């Protein structure tokens, strides 16, 4: 299970199917998440861009099962 302490780069490396989830947040962030926030934890990332952490984790865990 992906947790709030997971680093974005590690999530995508272990579960490539999660990349699409992060790309969906590019418009909200106003920039490419995969370019600018790879070394942030999920919690740090959601705090920076005021994103619902639980919702993101749910989406990532669903995506990794594909």
PDB file of N, CA and C in Angstrom:
ATOM      1  N   UNK A   1       0.841  -1.188   0.000  1.00  0.00           N
ATOM      2  CA  UNK A   1       0.000   0.000   0.000  1.00  0.00           C
ATOM      3  C   UNK A   1       0.882   1.246   0.000  1.00  0.00           C
ATOM      4  N   UNK A   2       0.514   2.199  -0.816  1.00  0.00           N
ATOM      5  CA  UNK A   2       1.239   3.460  -0.904  1.00  0.00           C
ATOM      6  C   UNK A   2       0.806   4.339   0.267  1.00  0.00           C
ATOM      7  N   UNK A   3       1.788   4.957   0.932  1.00  0.00           N
ATOM      8  CA  UNK A   3       1.486   5.778   2.106  1.00  0.00           C
ATOM      9  C   UNK A   3       1.899   7.229   1.880  1.00  0.00           C
ATOM     10  N   UNK A   4       1.523   8.087   2.814  1.00  0.00           N
ATOM     11  CA  UNK A   4       1.802   9.519   2.711  1.00  0.00           C
ATOM     12  C   UNK A   4       3.293   9.833   2.740  1.00  0.00           C
ATOM     13  N   UNK A   5       4.101   8.926   3.272  1.00  0.00           N
ATOM     14  CA  UNK A   5       5.542   9.144   3.369  1.00  0.00           C
ATOM     15  C   UNK A   5       6.302   8.690   2.125  1.00  0.00           C
ATOM     16  N   UNK A   6       5.598   8.121   1.166  1.00  0.00           N
ATOM     17  CA  UNK A   6       6.243   7.644  -0.059  1.00  0.00           C
ATOM     18  C   UNK A   6       6.703   8.836  -0.896  1.00  0.00           C
ATOM     19  N   UNK A   7       7.881   8.698  -1.496  1.00  0.00           N
ATOM     20  CA  UNK A   7       8.430   9.725  -2.383  1.00  0.00           C
ATOM     21  C   UNK A   7       7.882   9.480  -3.788  1.00  0.00           C
ATOM     22  N   UNK A   8       7.503  10.549  -4.467  1.00  0.00           N
ATOM     23  CA  UNK A   8       6.877  10.430  -5.786  1.00  0.00           C
ATOM     24  C   UNK A   8       7.719   9.587  -6.730  1.00  0.00           C
ATOM     25  N   UNK A   9       9.017   9.832  -6.801  1.00  0.00           N
ATOM     26  CA  UNK A   9       9.891   9.071  -7.693  1.00  0.00           C
ATOM     27  C   UNK A   9       9.831   7.580  -7.391  1.00  0.00           C
ATOM     28  N   UNK A  10       9.860   7.219  -6.128  1.00  0.00           N
ATOM     29  CA  UNK A  10       9.814   5.807  -5.740  1.00  0.00           C
ATOM     30  C   UNK A  10       8.473   5.173  -6.104  1.00  0.00           C
ATOM     31  N   UNK A  11       7.397   5.923  -5.948  1.00  0.00           N
ATOM     32  CA  UNK A  11       6.072   5.406  -6.301  1.00  0.00           C
ATOM     33  C   UNK A  11       6.024   5.077  -7.789  1.00  0.00           C
ATOM     34  N   UNK A  12       6.489   6.003  -8.612  1.00  0.00           N
ATOM     35  CA  UNK A  12       6.436   5.808 -10.065  1.00  0.00           C
ATOM     36  C   UNK A  12       7.395   4.707 -10.514  1.00  0.00           C
ATOM     37  N   UNK A  13       8.565   4.617  -9.879  1.00  0.00           N
ATOM     38  CA  UNK A  13       9.515   3.549 -10.226  1.00  0.00           C
ATOM     39  C   UNK A  13       8.929   2.173  -9.928  1.00  0.00           C
ATOM     40  N   UNK A  14       8.321   2.029  -8.765  1.00  0.00           N
ATOM     41  CA  UNK A  14       7.770   0.733  -8.356  1.00  0.00           C
ATOM     42  C   UNK A  14       6.450   0.416  -9.050  1.00  0.00           C
ATOM     43  N   UNK A  15       5.691   1.456  -9.374  1.00  0.00           N
ATOM     44  CA  UNK A  15       4.347   1.278  -9.938  1.00  0.00           C
ATOM     45  C   UNK A  15       4.164   2.244 -11.113  1.00  0.00           C
ATOM     46  N   UNK A  16       4.718   1.924 -12.283  1.00  0.00           N
ATOM     47  CA  UNK A  16       4.648   2.836 -13.438  1.00  0.00           C
ATOM     48  C   UNK A  16       3.227   3.257 -13.818  1.00  0.00           C
ATOM     49  N   UNK A  17       2.251   2.445 -13.503  1.00  0.00           N
ATOM     50  CA  UNK A  17       0.864   2.791 -13.843  1.00  0.00           C
ATOM     51  C   UNK A  17       0.355   4.004 -13.062  1.00  0.00           C
ATOM     52  N   UNK A  18       1.070   4.428 -12.025  1.00  0.00           N
ATOM     53  CA  UNK A  18       0.651   5.597 -11.246  1.00  0.00           C
ATOM     54  C   UNK A  18       1.034   6.915 -11.921  1.00  0.00           C
ATOM     55  N   UNK A  19       1.874   6.849 -12.932  1.00  0.00           N
ATOM     56  CA  UNK A  19       2.317   8.075 -13.607  1.00  0.00           C
ATOM     57  C   UNK A  19       1.130   8.884 -14.138  1.00  0.00           C
ATOM     58  N   UNK A  20       0.137   8.216 -14.673  1.00  0.00           N
ATOM     59  CA  UNK A  20      -1.046   8.913 -15.190  1.00  0.00           C
ATOM     60  C   UNK A  20      -1.788   9.670 -14.092  1.00  0.00           C
ATOM     61  N   UNK A  21      -1.793   9.126 -12.900  1.00  0.00           N
ATOM     62  CA  UNK A  21      -2.449   9.809 -11.779  1.00  0.00           C
ATOM     63  C   UNK A  21      -1.746  11.134 -11.510  1.00  0.00           C
ATOM     64  N   UNK A  22      -0.416  11.103 -11.471  1.00  0.00           N
ATOM     65  CA  UNK A  22       0.330  12.341 -11.232  1.00  0.00           C
ATOM     66  C   UNK A  22       0.131  13.335 -12.367  1.00  0.00           C
ATOM     67  N   UNK A  23       0.093  12.861 -13.594  1.00  0.00           N
ATOM     68  CA  UNK A  23      -0.111  13.756 -14.748  1.00  0.00           C
ATOM     69  C   UNK A  23      -1.461  14.470 -14.670  1.00  0.00           C
ATOM     70  N   UNK A  24      -2.441  13.830 -14.078  1.00  0.00           N
ATOM     71  CA  UNK A  24      -3.751  14.472 -13.919  1.00  0.00           C
ATOM     72  C   UNK A  24      -3.705  15.675 -12.977  1.00  0.00           C
ATOM     73  N   UNK A  25      -2.671  15.764 -12.157  1.00  0.00           N
ATOM     74  CA  UNK A  25      -2.528  16.883 -11.227  1.00  0.00           C
ATOM     75  C   UNK A  25      -1.673  18.015 -11.792  1.00  0.00           C
ATOM     76  N   UNK A  26      -1.137  17.858 -12.994  1.00  0.00           N
ATOM     77  CA  UNK A  26      -0.307  18.901 -13.603  1.00  0.00           C
ATOM     78  C   UNK A  26      -1.056  20.228 -13.728  1.00  0.00           C
ATOM     79  N   UNK A  27      -2.310  20.186 -14.158  1.00  0.00           N
ATOM     80  CA  UNK A  27      -3.087  21.421 -14.320  1.00  0.00           C
ATOM     81  C   UNK A  27      -3.354  22.097 -12.981  1.00  0.00           C
ATOM     82  N   UNK A  28      -3.632  21.314 -11.968  1.00  0.00           N
ATOM     83  CA  UNK A  28      -3.872  21.875 -10.633  1.00  0.00           C
ATOM     84  C   UNK A  28      -2.611  22.556 -10.115  1.00  0.00           C
ATOM     85  N   UNK A  29      -1.475  21.898 -10.317  1.00  0.00           N
ATOM     86  CA  UNK A  29      -0.205  22.437  -9.838  1.00  0.00           C
ATOM     87  C   UNK A  29       0.310  23.568 -10.724  1.00  0.00           C
ATOM     88  N   UNK A  30      -0.135  23.586 -11.971  1.00  0.00           N
ATOM     89  CA  UNK A  30       0.351  24.605 -12.895  1.00  0.00           C
ATOM     90  C   UNK A  30       1.724  24.301 -13.444  1.00  0.00           C
ATOM     91  N   UNK A  31       2.154  23.066 -13.258  1.00  0.00           N
ATOM     92  CA  UNK A  31       3.457  22.632 -13.771  1.00  0.00           C
ATOM     93  C   UNK A  31       3.492  21.116 -13.819  1.00  0.00           C
ATOM     94  N   UNK A  32       4.497  20.594 -14.448  1.00  0.00           N
ATOM     95  CA  UNK A  32       4.683  19.148 -14.558  1.00  0.00           C
ATOM     96  C   UNK A  32       5.160  18.592 -13.212  1.00  0.00           C
ATOM     97  N   UNK A  33       4.324  17.790 -12.586  1.00  0.00           N
ATOM     98  CA  UNK A  33       4.667  17.192 -11.293  1.00  0.00           C
ATOM     99  C   UNK A  33       5.890  16.297 -11.424  1.00  0.00           C
ATOM    100  N   UNK A  34       5.931  15.526 -12.505  1.00  0.00           N
ATOM    101  CA  UNK A  34       7.035  14.588 -12.718  1.00  0.00           C
ATOM    102  C   UNK A  34       8.350  15.319 -12.992  1.00  0.00           C
ATOM    103  N   UNK A  35       8.287  16.596 -13.326  1.00  0.00           N
ATOM    104  CA  UNK A  35       9.492  17.394 -13.583  1.00  0.00           C
ATOM    105  C   UNK A  35       9.956  18.154 -12.338  1.00  0.00           C
ATOM    106  N   UNK A  36       9.009  18.607 -11.523  1.00  0.00           N
ATOM    107  CA  UNK A  36       9.341  19.527 -10.434  1.00  0.00           C
ATOM    108  C   UNK A  36       9.224  18.961  -9.023  1.00  0.00           C
ATOM    109  N   UNK A  37       8.541  17.853  -8.841  1.00  0.00           N
ATOM    110  CA  UNK A  37       8.276  17.377  -7.484  1.00  0.00           C
ATOM    111  C   UNK A  37       8.663  15.924  -7.250  1.00  0.00           C
ATOM    112  N   UNK A  38       9.554  15.389  -8.043  1.00  0.00           N
ATOM    113  CA  UNK A  38       9.903  13.966  -7.941  1.00  0.00           C
ATOM    114  C   UNK A  38      10.418  13.545  -6.571  1.00  0.00           C
ATOM    115  N   UNK A  39      11.062  14.451  -5.863  1.00  0.00           N
ATOM    116  CA  UNK A  39      11.692  14.076  -4.600  1.00  0.00           C
ATOM    117  C   UNK A  39      10.857  14.446  -3.376  1.00  0.00           C
ATOM    118  N   UNK A  40       9.644  14.919  -3.615  1.00  0.00           N
ATOM    119  CA  UNK A  40       8.725  15.227  -2.516  1.00  0.00           C
ATOM    120  C   UNK A  40       7.997  13.962  -2.075  1.00  0.00           C
ATOM    121  N   UNK A  41       7.662  13.909  -0.800  1.00  0.00           N
ATOM    122  CA  UNK A  41       6.759  12.844  -0.351  1.00  0.00           C
ATOM    123  C   UNK A  41       5.349  13.218  -0.810  1.00  0.00           C
ATOM    124  N   UNK A  42       4.459  12.257  -0.771  1.00  0.00           N
ATOM    125  CA  UNK A  42       3.077  12.551  -1.146  1.00  0.00           C
ATOM    126  C   UNK A  42       2.478  13.607  -0.224  1.00  0.00           C
ATOM    127  N   UNK A  43       2.809  13.526   1.048  1.00  0.00           N
ATOM    128  CA  UNK A  43       2.291  14.508   2.002  1.00  0.00           C
ATOM    129  C   UNK A  43       2.815  15.907   1.684  1.00  0.00           C
ATOM    130  N   UNK A  44       4.102  16.026   1.394  1.00  0.00           N
ATOM    131  CA  UNK A  44       4.672  17.330   1.035  1.00  0.00           C
ATOM    132  C   UNK A  44       4.010  17.877  -0.227  1.00  0.00           C
ATOM    133  N   UNK A  45       3.880  17.021  -1.226  1.00  0.00           N
ATOM    134  CA  UNK A  45       3.280  17.409  -2.497  1.00  0.00           C
ATOM    135  C   UNK A  45       1.857  17.931  -2.307  1.00  0.00           C
ATOM    136  N   UNK A  46       1.053  17.207  -1.549  1.00  0.00           N
ATOM    137  CA  UNK A  46      -0.338  17.628  -1.361  1.00  0.00           C
ATOM    138  C   UNK A  46      -0.439  18.907  -0.533  1.00  0.00           C
ATOM    139  N   UNK A  47       0.485  19.103   0.389  1.00  0.00           N
ATOM    140  CA  UNK A  47       0.492  20.342   1.173  1.00  0.00           C
ATOM    141  C   UNK A  47       0.861  21.543   0.308  1.00  0.00           C
ATOM    142  N   UNK A  48       1.817  21.374  -0.585  1.00  0.00           N
ATOM    143  CA  UNK A  48       2.258  22.466  -1.459  1.00  0.00           C
ATOM    144  C   UNK A  48       1.115  22.955  -2.342  1.00  0.00           C
ATOM    145  N   UNK A  49       0.354  22.021  -2.908  1.00  0.00           N
ATOM    146  CA  UNK A  49      -0.666  22.364  -3.902  1.00  0.00           C
ATOM    147  C   UNK A  49      -2.100  22.272  -3.377  1.00  0.00           C
ATOM    148  N   UNK A  50      -2.254  22.120  -2.067  1.00  0.00           N
ATOM    149  CA  UNK A  50      -3.581  22.048  -1.442  1.00  0.00           C
ATOM    150  C   UNK A  50      -4.456  20.977  -2.099  1.00  0.00           C
ATOM    151  N   UNK A  51      -3.908  19.769  -2.164  1.00  0.00           N
ATOM    152  CA  UNK A  51      -4.576  18.607  -2.753  1.00  0.00           C
ATOM    153  C   UNK A  51      -4.971  17.664  -1.625  1.00  0.00           C
ATOM    154  N   UNK A  52      -6.101  17.010  -1.769  1.00  0.00           N
ATOM    155  CA  UNK A  52      -6.576  16.062  -0.766  1.00  0.00           C
ATOM    156  C   UNK A  52      -5.672  14.823  -0.755  1.00  0.00           C
ATOM    157  N   UNK A  53      -4.940  14.628   0.321  1.00  0.00           N
ATOM    158  CA  UNK A  53      -3.979  13.532   0.441  1.00  0.00           C
ATOM    159  C   UNK A  53      -4.652  12.168   0.362  1.00  0.00           C
ATOM    160  N   UNK A  54      -5.731  11.988   1.085  1.00  0.00           N
ATOM    161  CA  UNK A  54      -6.416  10.690   1.086  1.00  0.00           C
ATOM    162  C   UNK A  54      -6.937  10.325  -0.303  1.00  0.00           C
ATOM    163  N   UNK A  55      -7.458  11.310  -1.015  1.00  0.00           N
ATOM    164  CA  UNK A  55      -7.953  11.079  -2.374  1.00  0.00           C
ATOM    165  C   UNK A  55      -6.811  10.660  -3.301  1.00  0.00           C
ATOM    166  N   UNK A  56      -5.682  11.343  -3.203  1.00  0.00           N
ATOM    167  CA  UNK A  56      -4.519  11.001  -4.029  1.00  0.00           C
ATOM    168  C   UNK A  56      -4.048   9.583  -3.736  1.00  0.00           C
ATOM    169  N   UNK A  57      -3.916   9.234  -2.480  1.00  0.00           N
ATOM    170  CA  UNK A  57      -3.451   7.895  -2.105  1.00  0.00           C
ATOM    171  C   UNK A  57      -4.421   6.825  -2.603  1.00  0.00           C
ATOM    172  N   UNK A  58      -5.708   7.089  -2.495  1.00  0.00           N
ATOM    173  CA  UNK A  58      -6.707   6.142  -3.012  1.00  0.00           C
ATOM    174  C   UNK A  58      -6.523   5.933  -4.509  1.00  0.00           C
ATOM    175  N   UNK A  59      -6.365   7.016  -5.252  1.00  0.00           N
ATOM    176  CA  UNK A  59      -6.176   6.921  -6.707  1.00  0.00           C
ATOM    177  C   UNK A  59      -4.889   6.178  -7.055  1.00  0.00           C
ATOM    178  N   UNK A  60      -3.824   6.440  -6.324  1.00  0.00           N
ATOM    179  CA  UNK A  60      -2.548   5.768  -6.592  1.00  0.00           C
ATOM    180  C   UNK A  60      -2.638   4.276  -6.300  1.00  0.00           C
ATOM    181  N   UNK A  61      -3.270   3.923  -5.196  1.00  0.00           N
ATOM    182  CA  UNK A  61      -3.406   2.503  -4.859  1.00  0.00           C
ATOM    183  C   UNK A  61      -4.281   1.763  -5.869  1.00  0.00           C
ATOM    184  N   UNK A  62      -5.293   2.429  -6.394  1.00  0.00           N
ATOM    185  CA  UNK A  62      -6.108   1.823  -7.458  1.00  0.00           C
ATOM    186  C   UNK A  62      -5.283   1.629  -8.723  1.00  0.00           C
ATOM    187  N   UNK A  63      -4.515   2.651  -9.081  1.00  0.00           N
ATOM    188  CA  UNK A  63      -3.723   2.608 -10.316  1.00  0.00           C
ATOM    189  C   UNK A  63      -2.646   1.533 -10.262  1.00  0.00           C
ATOM    190  N   UNK A  64      -2.059   1.317  -9.113  1.00  0.00           N
ATOM    191  CA  UNK A  64      -0.980   0.323  -9.026  1.00  0.00           C
ATOM    192  C   UNK A  64      -1.496  -1.101  -9.201  1.00  0.00           C
ATOM    193  N   UNK A  65      -2.789  -1.306  -9.026  1.00  0.00           N
ATOM    194  CA  UNK A  65      -3.375  -2.635  -9.178  1.00  0.00           C
ATOM    195  C   UNK A  65      -3.666  -2.976 -10.633  1.00  0.00           C
ATOM    196  N   UNK A  66      -3.501  -2.006 -11.519  1.00  0.00           N
ATOM    197  CA  UNK A  66      -3.770  -2.250 -12.944  1.00  0.00           C
ATOM    198  C   UNK A  66      -2.606  -2.929 -13.608  1.00  0.00           C
TER     199      UNK A  66
END
